[in-house]
């Protein structure tokens, strides 16, 4: 039974991972095209912060 539980959470996590890639394209586009910041490393940090706010509760649910 423990294996089924782990497998289900892993499937949820994979789904979350795939959705997050699509969701994060929007803020990346906005930050890249509508700010004066041109450094890609700064874009990465900004997108990671946005992603943390968006996916924190979903990750907490998956890893509960």
PDB file of N, CA and C in Angstrom:
ATOM      1  N   UNK A   1       0.814  -1.208   0.000  1.00  0.00           N
ATOM      2  CA  UNK A   1       0.000   0.000   0.000  1.00  0.00           C
ATOM      3  C   UNK A   1       0.855   1.270   0.000  1.00  0.00           C
ATOM      4  N   UNK A   2       1.978   1.230   0.676  1.00  0.00           N
ATOM      5  CA  UNK A   2       2.836   2.412   0.720  1.00  0.00           C
ATOM      6  C   UNK A   2       3.324   2.789  -0.682  1.00  0.00           C
ATOM      7  N   UNK A   3       3.575   1.801  -1.509  1.00  0.00           N
ATOM      8  CA  UNK A   3       4.040   2.055  -2.872  1.00  0.00           C
ATOM      9  C   UNK A   3       2.984   2.807  -3.673  1.00  0.00           C
ATOM     10  N   UNK A   4       1.711   2.463  -3.519  1.00  0.00           N
ATOM     11  CA  UNK A   4       0.643   3.163  -4.229  1.00  0.00           C
ATOM     12  C   UNK A   4       0.591   4.630  -3.817  1.00  0.00           C
ATOM     13  N   UNK A   5       0.770   4.896  -2.541  1.00  0.00           N
ATOM     14  CA  UNK A   5       0.750   6.260  -2.033  1.00  0.00           C
ATOM     15  C   UNK A   5       1.887   7.072  -2.650  1.00  0.00           C
ATOM     16  N   UNK A   6       3.076   6.501  -2.663  1.00  0.00           N
ATOM     17  CA  UNK A   6       4.227   7.202  -3.221  1.00  0.00           C
ATOM     18  C   UNK A   6       4.036   7.411  -4.719  1.00  0.00           C
ATOM     19  N   UNK A   7       3.537   6.423  -5.409  1.00  0.00           N
ATOM     20  CA  UNK A   7       3.334   6.549  -6.852  1.00  0.00           C
ATOM     21  C   UNK A   7       2.340   7.651  -7.171  1.00  0.00           C
ATOM     22  N   UNK A   8       1.247   7.716  -6.418  1.00  0.00           N
ATOM     23  CA  UNK A   8       0.229   8.735  -6.668  1.00  0.00           C
ATOM     24  C   UNK A   8       0.806  10.130  -6.461  1.00  0.00           C
ATOM     25  N   UNK A   9       1.573  10.321  -5.403  1.00  0.00           N
ATOM     26  CA  UNK A   9       2.182  11.628  -5.163  1.00  0.00           C
ATOM     27  C   UNK A   9       3.211  11.967  -6.239  1.00  0.00           C
ATOM     28  N   UNK A  10       3.919  10.955  -6.716  1.00  0.00           N
ATOM     29  CA  UNK A  10       4.890  11.198  -7.779  1.00  0.00           C
ATOM     30  C   UNK A  10       4.188  11.632  -9.063  1.00  0.00           C
ATOM     31  N   UNK A  11       3.067  11.010  -9.381  1.00  0.00           N
ATOM     32  CA  UNK A  11       2.290  11.403 -10.564  1.00  0.00           C
ATOM     33  C   UNK A  11       1.782  12.835 -10.404  1.00  0.00           C
ATOM     34  N   UNK A  12       1.291  13.190  -9.225  1.00  0.00           N
ATOM     35  CA  UNK A  12       0.860  14.568  -8.973  1.00  0.00           C
ATOM     36  C   UNK A  12       2.021  15.546  -9.142  1.00  0.00           C
ATOM     37  N   UNK A  13       3.176  15.165  -8.644  1.00  0.00           N
ATOM     38  CA  UNK A  13       4.336  16.042  -8.743  1.00  0.00           C
ATOM     39  C   UNK A  13       4.765  16.227 -10.199  1.00  0.00           C
ATOM     40  N   UNK A  14       4.758  15.163 -10.973  1.00  0.00           N
ATOM     41  CA  UNK A  14       5.098  15.284 -12.398  1.00  0.00           C
ATOM     42  C   UNK A  14       4.104  16.209 -13.096  1.00  0.00           C
ATOM     43  N   UNK A  15       2.820  16.044 -12.801  1.00  0.00           N
ATOM     44  CA  UNK A  15       1.807  16.926 -13.379  1.00  0.00           C
ATOM     45  C   UNK A  15       2.034  18.370 -12.995  1.00  0.00           C
ATOM     46  N   UNK A  16       2.352  18.606 -11.749  1.00  0.00           N
ATOM     47  CA  UNK A  16       2.629  19.961 -11.270  1.00  0.00           C
ATOM     48  C   UNK A  16       3.854  20.538 -11.971  1.00  0.00           C
ATOM     49  N   UNK A  17       4.847  19.714 -12.147  1.00  0.00           N
ATOM     50  CA  UNK A  17       6.071  20.155 -12.811  1.00  0.00           C
ATOM     51  C   UNK A  17       5.776  20.584 -14.250  1.00  0.00           C
ATOM     52  N   UNK A  18       4.989  19.794 -14.962  1.00  0.00           N
ATOM     53  CA  UNK A  18       4.656  20.116 -16.350  1.00  0.00           C
ATOM     54  C   UNK A  18       3.800  21.379 -16.440  1.00  0.00           C
ATOM     55  N   UNK A  19       2.842  21.509 -15.545  1.00  0.00           N
ATOM     56  CA  UNK A  19       1.986  22.701 -15.543  1.00  0.00           C
ATOM     57  C   UNK A  19       2.802  23.938 -15.195  1.00  0.00           C
ATOM     58  N   UNK A  20       3.724  23.796 -14.260  1.00  0.00           N
ATOM     59  CA  UNK A  20       4.510  24.967 -13.851  1.00  0.00           C
ATOM     60  C   UNK A  20       5.355  25.503 -15.001  1.00  0.00           C
ATOM     61  N   UNK A  21       5.848  24.625 -15.849  1.00  0.00           N
ATOM     62  CA  UNK A  21       6.636  25.096 -16.995  1.00  0.00           C
ATOM     63  C   UNK A  21       5.791  25.981 -17.903  1.00  0.00           C
ATOM     64  N   UNK A  22       4.548  25.593 -18.122  1.00  0.00           N
ATOM     65  CA  UNK A  22       3.662  26.395 -18.967  1.00  0.00           C
ATOM     66  C   UNK A  22       3.241  27.687 -18.276  1.00  0.00           C
ATOM     67  N   UNK A  23       2.918  27.580 -16.995  1.00  0.00           N
ATOM     68  CA  UNK A  23       2.462  28.752 -16.243  1.00  0.00           C
ATOM     69  C   UNK A  23       3.571  29.797 -16.140  1.00  0.00           C
ATOM     70  N   UNK A  24       4.802  29.359 -15.961  1.00  0.00           N
ATOM     71  CA  UNK A  24       5.903  30.293 -15.767  1.00  0.00           C
ATOM     72  C   UNK A  24       6.325  30.989 -17.056  1.00  0.00           C
ATOM     73  N   UNK A  25       5.847  30.510 -18.202  1.00  0.00           N
ATOM     74  CA  UNK A  25       6.158  31.190 -19.466  1.00  0.00           C
ATOM     75  C   UNK A  25       5.561  32.596 -19.509  1.00  0.00           C
ATOM     76  N   UNK A  26       4.398  32.768 -18.909  1.00  0.00           N
ATOM     77  CA  UNK A  26       3.725  34.072 -18.938  1.00  0.00           C
ATOM     78  C   UNK A  26       4.518  35.120 -18.159  1.00  0.00           C
ATOM     79  N   UNK A  27       4.866  34.871 -16.878  1.00  0.00           N
ATOM     80  CA  UNK A  27       5.663  35.887 -16.178  1.00  0.00           C
ATOM     81  C   UNK A  27       7.033  36.114 -16.821  1.00  0.00           C
ATOM     82  N   UNK A  28       7.630  35.050 -17.357  1.00  0.00           N
ATOM     83  CA  UNK A  28       8.922  35.222 -18.021  1.00  0.00           C
ATOM     84  C   UNK A  28       8.792  36.150 -19.220  1.00  0.00           C
ATOM     85  N   UNK A  29       7.769  35.960 -20.013  1.00  0.00           N
ATOM     86  CA  UNK A  29       7.531  36.831 -21.167  1.00  0.00           C
ATOM     87  C   UNK A  29       7.334  38.279 -20.713  1.00  0.00           C
ATOM     88  N   UNK A  30       6.514  38.458 -19.671  1.00  0.00           N
ATOM     89  CA  UNK A  30       6.232  39.811 -19.192  1.00  0.00           C
ATOM     90  C   UNK A  30       7.482  40.488 -18.637  1.00  0.00           C
ATOM     91  N   UNK A  31       8.243  39.762 -17.828  1.00  0.00           N
ATOM     92  CA  UNK A  31       9.449  40.340 -17.236  1.00  0.00           C
ATOM     93  C   UNK A  31      10.486  40.635 -18.316  1.00  0.00           C
ATOM     94  N   UNK A  32      10.623  39.729 -19.251  1.00  0.00           N
ATOM     95  CA  UNK A  32      11.633  39.900 -20.299  1.00  0.00           C
ATOM     96  C   UNK A  32      11.309  41.062 -21.230  1.00  0.00           C
ATOM     97  N   UNK A  33      10.038  41.249 -21.545  1.00  0.00           N
ATOM     98  CA  UNK A  33       9.662  42.248 -22.547  1.00  0.00           C
ATOM     99  C   UNK A  33       9.181  43.579 -21.976  1.00  0.00           C
ATOM    100  N   UNK A  34       8.776  43.620 -20.715  1.00  0.00           N
ATOM    101  CA  UNK A  34       8.198  44.850 -20.176  1.00  0.00           C
ATOM    102  C   UNK A  34       8.965  45.433 -19.001  1.00  0.00           C
ATOM    103  N   UNK A  35      10.166  44.943 -18.749  1.00  0.00           N
ATOM    104  CA  UNK A  35      11.035  45.574 -17.756  1.00  0.00           C
ATOM    105  C   UNK A  35      12.326  45.984 -18.445  1.00  0.00           C
ATOM    106  N   UNK A  36      13.079  46.809 -17.773  1.00  0.00           N
ATOM    107  CA  UNK A  36      14.351  47.255 -18.344  1.00  0.00           C
ATOM    108  C   UNK A  36      15.498  46.328 -17.963  1.00  0.00           C
ATOM    109  N   UNK A  37      15.183  45.266 -17.227  1.00  0.00           N
ATOM    110  CA  UNK A  37      16.210  44.307 -16.823  1.00  0.00           C
ATOM    111  C   UNK A  37      16.560  43.439 -18.026  1.00  0.00           C
ATOM    112  N   UNK A  38      17.814  43.396 -18.391  1.00  0.00           N
ATOM    113  CA  UNK A  38      18.242  42.627 -19.565  1.00  0.00           C
ATOM    114  C   UNK A  38      19.059  41.387 -19.207  1.00  0.00           C
ATOM    115  N   UNK A  39      19.412  41.230 -17.958  1.00  0.00           N
ATOM    116  CA  UNK A  39      20.231  40.102 -17.523  1.00  0.00           C
ATOM    117  C   UNK A  39      19.355  38.868 -17.318  1.00  0.00           C
ATOM    118  N   UNK A  40      19.667  37.776 -18.034  1.00  0.00           N
ATOM    119  CA  UNK A  40      18.858  36.561 -17.930  1.00  0.00           C
ATOM    120  C   UNK A  40      18.920  35.929 -16.542  1.00  0.00           C
ATOM    121  N   UNK A  41      20.032  36.096 -15.842  1.00  0.00           N
ATOM    122  CA  UNK A  41      20.144  35.543 -14.494  1.00  0.00           C
ATOM    123  C   UNK A  41      19.187  36.249 -13.529  1.00  0.00           C
ATOM    124  N   UNK A  42      19.031  37.537 -13.701  1.00  0.00           N
ATOM    125  CA  UNK A  42      18.066  38.281 -12.884  1.00  0.00           C
ATOM    126  C   UNK A  42      16.651  37.841 -13.241  1.00  0.00           C
ATOM    127  N   UNK A  43      16.387  37.615 -14.519  1.00  0.00           N
ATOM    128  CA  UNK A  43      15.074  37.092 -14.932  1.00  0.00           C
ATOM    129  C   UNK A  43      14.796  35.766 -14.236  1.00  0.00           C
ATOM    130  N   UNK A  44      15.795  34.894 -14.202  1.00  0.00           N
ATOM    131  CA  UNK A  44      15.630  33.586 -13.573  1.00  0.00           C
ATOM    132  C   UNK A  44      15.270  33.723 -12.100  1.00  0.00           C
ATOM    133  N   UNK A  45      15.963  34.587 -11.389  1.00  0.00           N
ATOM    134  CA  UNK A  45      15.673  34.798  -9.966  1.00  0.00           C
ATOM    135  C   UNK A  45      14.255  35.341  -9.791  1.00  0.00           C
ATOM    136  N   UNK A  46      13.881  36.296 -10.616  1.00  0.00           N
ATOM    137  CA  UNK A  46      12.539  36.884 -10.507  1.00  0.00           C
ATOM    138  C   UNK A  46      11.463  35.833 -10.783  1.00  0.00           C
ATOM    139  N   UNK A  47      11.664  34.990 -11.781  1.00  0.00           N
ATOM    140  CA  UNK A  47      10.691  33.958 -12.125  1.00  0.00           C
ATOM    141  C   UNK A  47      10.615  32.904 -11.027  1.00  0.00           C
ATOM    142  N   UNK A  48      11.736  32.559 -10.426  1.00  0.00           N
ATOM    143  CA  UNK A  48      11.717  31.583  -9.337  1.00  0.00           C
ATOM    144  C   UNK A  48      10.928  32.113  -8.138  1.00  0.00           C
ATOM    145  N   UNK A  49      11.041  33.394  -7.860  1.00  0.00           N
ATOM    146  CA  UNK A  49      10.270  33.993  -6.767  1.00  0.00           C
ATOM    147  C   UNK A  49       8.780  33.965  -7.090  1.00  0.00           C
ATOM    148  N   UNK A  50       8.421  34.322  -8.311  1.00  0.00           N
ATOM    149  CA  UNK A  50       7.010  34.257  -8.728  1.00  0.00           C
ATOM    150  C   UNK A  50       6.502  32.827  -8.619  1.00  0.00           C
ATOM    151  N   UNK A  51       7.283  31.873  -9.091  1.00  0.00           N
ATOM    152  CA  UNK A  51       6.887  30.466  -9.016  1.00  0.00           C
ATOM    153  C   UNK A  51       6.714  29.985  -7.588  1.00  0.00           C
ATOM    154  N   UNK A  52       7.559  30.452  -6.690  1.00  0.00           N
ATOM    155  CA  UNK A  52       7.421  30.067  -5.285  1.00  0.00           C
ATOM    156  C   UNK A  52       6.089  30.537  -4.715  1.00  0.00           C
ATOM    157  N   UNK A  53       5.683  31.753  -5.057  1.00  0.00           N
ATOM    158  CA  UNK A  53       4.388  32.253  -4.592  1.00  0.00           C
ATOM    159  C   UNK A  53       3.229  31.475  -5.206  1.00  0.00           C
ATOM    160  N   UNK A  54       3.349  31.125  -6.472  1.00  0.00           N
ATOM    161  CA  UNK A  54       2.250  30.440  -7.157  1.00  0.00           C
ATOM    162  C   UNK A  54       2.102  29.000  -6.680  1.00  0.00           C
ATOM    163  N   UNK A  55       3.209  28.277  -6.545  1.00  0.00           N
ATOM    164  CA  UNK A  55       3.136  26.831  -6.340  1.00  0.00           C
ATOM    165  C   UNK A  55       3.392  26.379  -4.906  1.00  0.00           C
ATOM    166  N   UNK A  56       3.560  27.288  -3.965  1.00  0.00           N
ATOM    167  CA  UNK A  56       3.840  26.903  -2.578  1.00  0.00           C
ATOM    168  C   UNK A  56       2.746  26.013  -1.995  1.00  0.00           C
ATOM    169  N   UNK A  57       1.506  26.423  -2.121  1.00  0.00           N
ATOM    170  CA  UNK A  57       0.405  25.667  -1.516  1.00  0.00           C
ATOM    171  C   UNK A  57       0.180  24.339  -2.224  1.00  0.00           C
ATOM    172  N   UNK A  58       0.355  24.313  -3.524  1.00  0.00           N
ATOM    173  CA  UNK A  58       0.205  23.061  -4.262  1.00  0.00           C
ATOM    174  C   UNK A  58       1.288  22.065  -3.855  1.00  0.00           C
ATOM    175  N   UNK A  59       2.507  22.517  -3.708  1.00  0.00           N
ATOM    176  CA  UNK A  59       3.582  21.634  -3.258  1.00  0.00           C
ATOM    177  C   UNK A  59       3.330  21.140  -1.839  1.00  0.00           C
ATOM    178  N   UNK A  60       2.834  22.004  -0.981  1.00  0.00           N
ATOM    179  CA  UNK A  60       2.523  21.592   0.390  1.00  0.00           C
ATOM    180  C   UNK A  60       1.469  20.493   0.390  1.00  0.00           C
ATOM    181  N   UNK A  61       0.485  20.591  -0.483  1.00  0.00           N
ATOM    182  CA  UNK A  61      -0.548  19.558  -0.587  1.00  0.00           C
ATOM    183  C   UNK A  61       0.042  18.246  -1.103  1.00  0.00           C
ATOM    184  N   UNK A  62       0.870  18.316  -2.123  1.00  0.00           N
ATOM    185  CA  UNK A  62       1.438  17.100  -2.705  1.00  0.00           C
ATOM    186  C   UNK A  62       2.343  16.389  -1.710  1.00  0.00           C
ATOM    187  N   UNK A  63       3.145  17.135  -0.969  1.00  0.00           N
ATOM    188  CA  UNK A  63       4.107  16.520  -0.058  1.00  0.00           C
ATOM    189  C   UNK A  63       3.556  16.294   1.345  1.00  0.00           C
ATOM    190  N   UNK A  64       2.270  16.522   1.531  1.00  0.00           N
ATOM    191  CA  UNK A  64       1.638  16.326   2.842  1.00  0.00           C
ATOM    192  C   UNK A  64       1.562  14.865   3.193  1.00  0.00           C
TER     193      UNK A  64
END
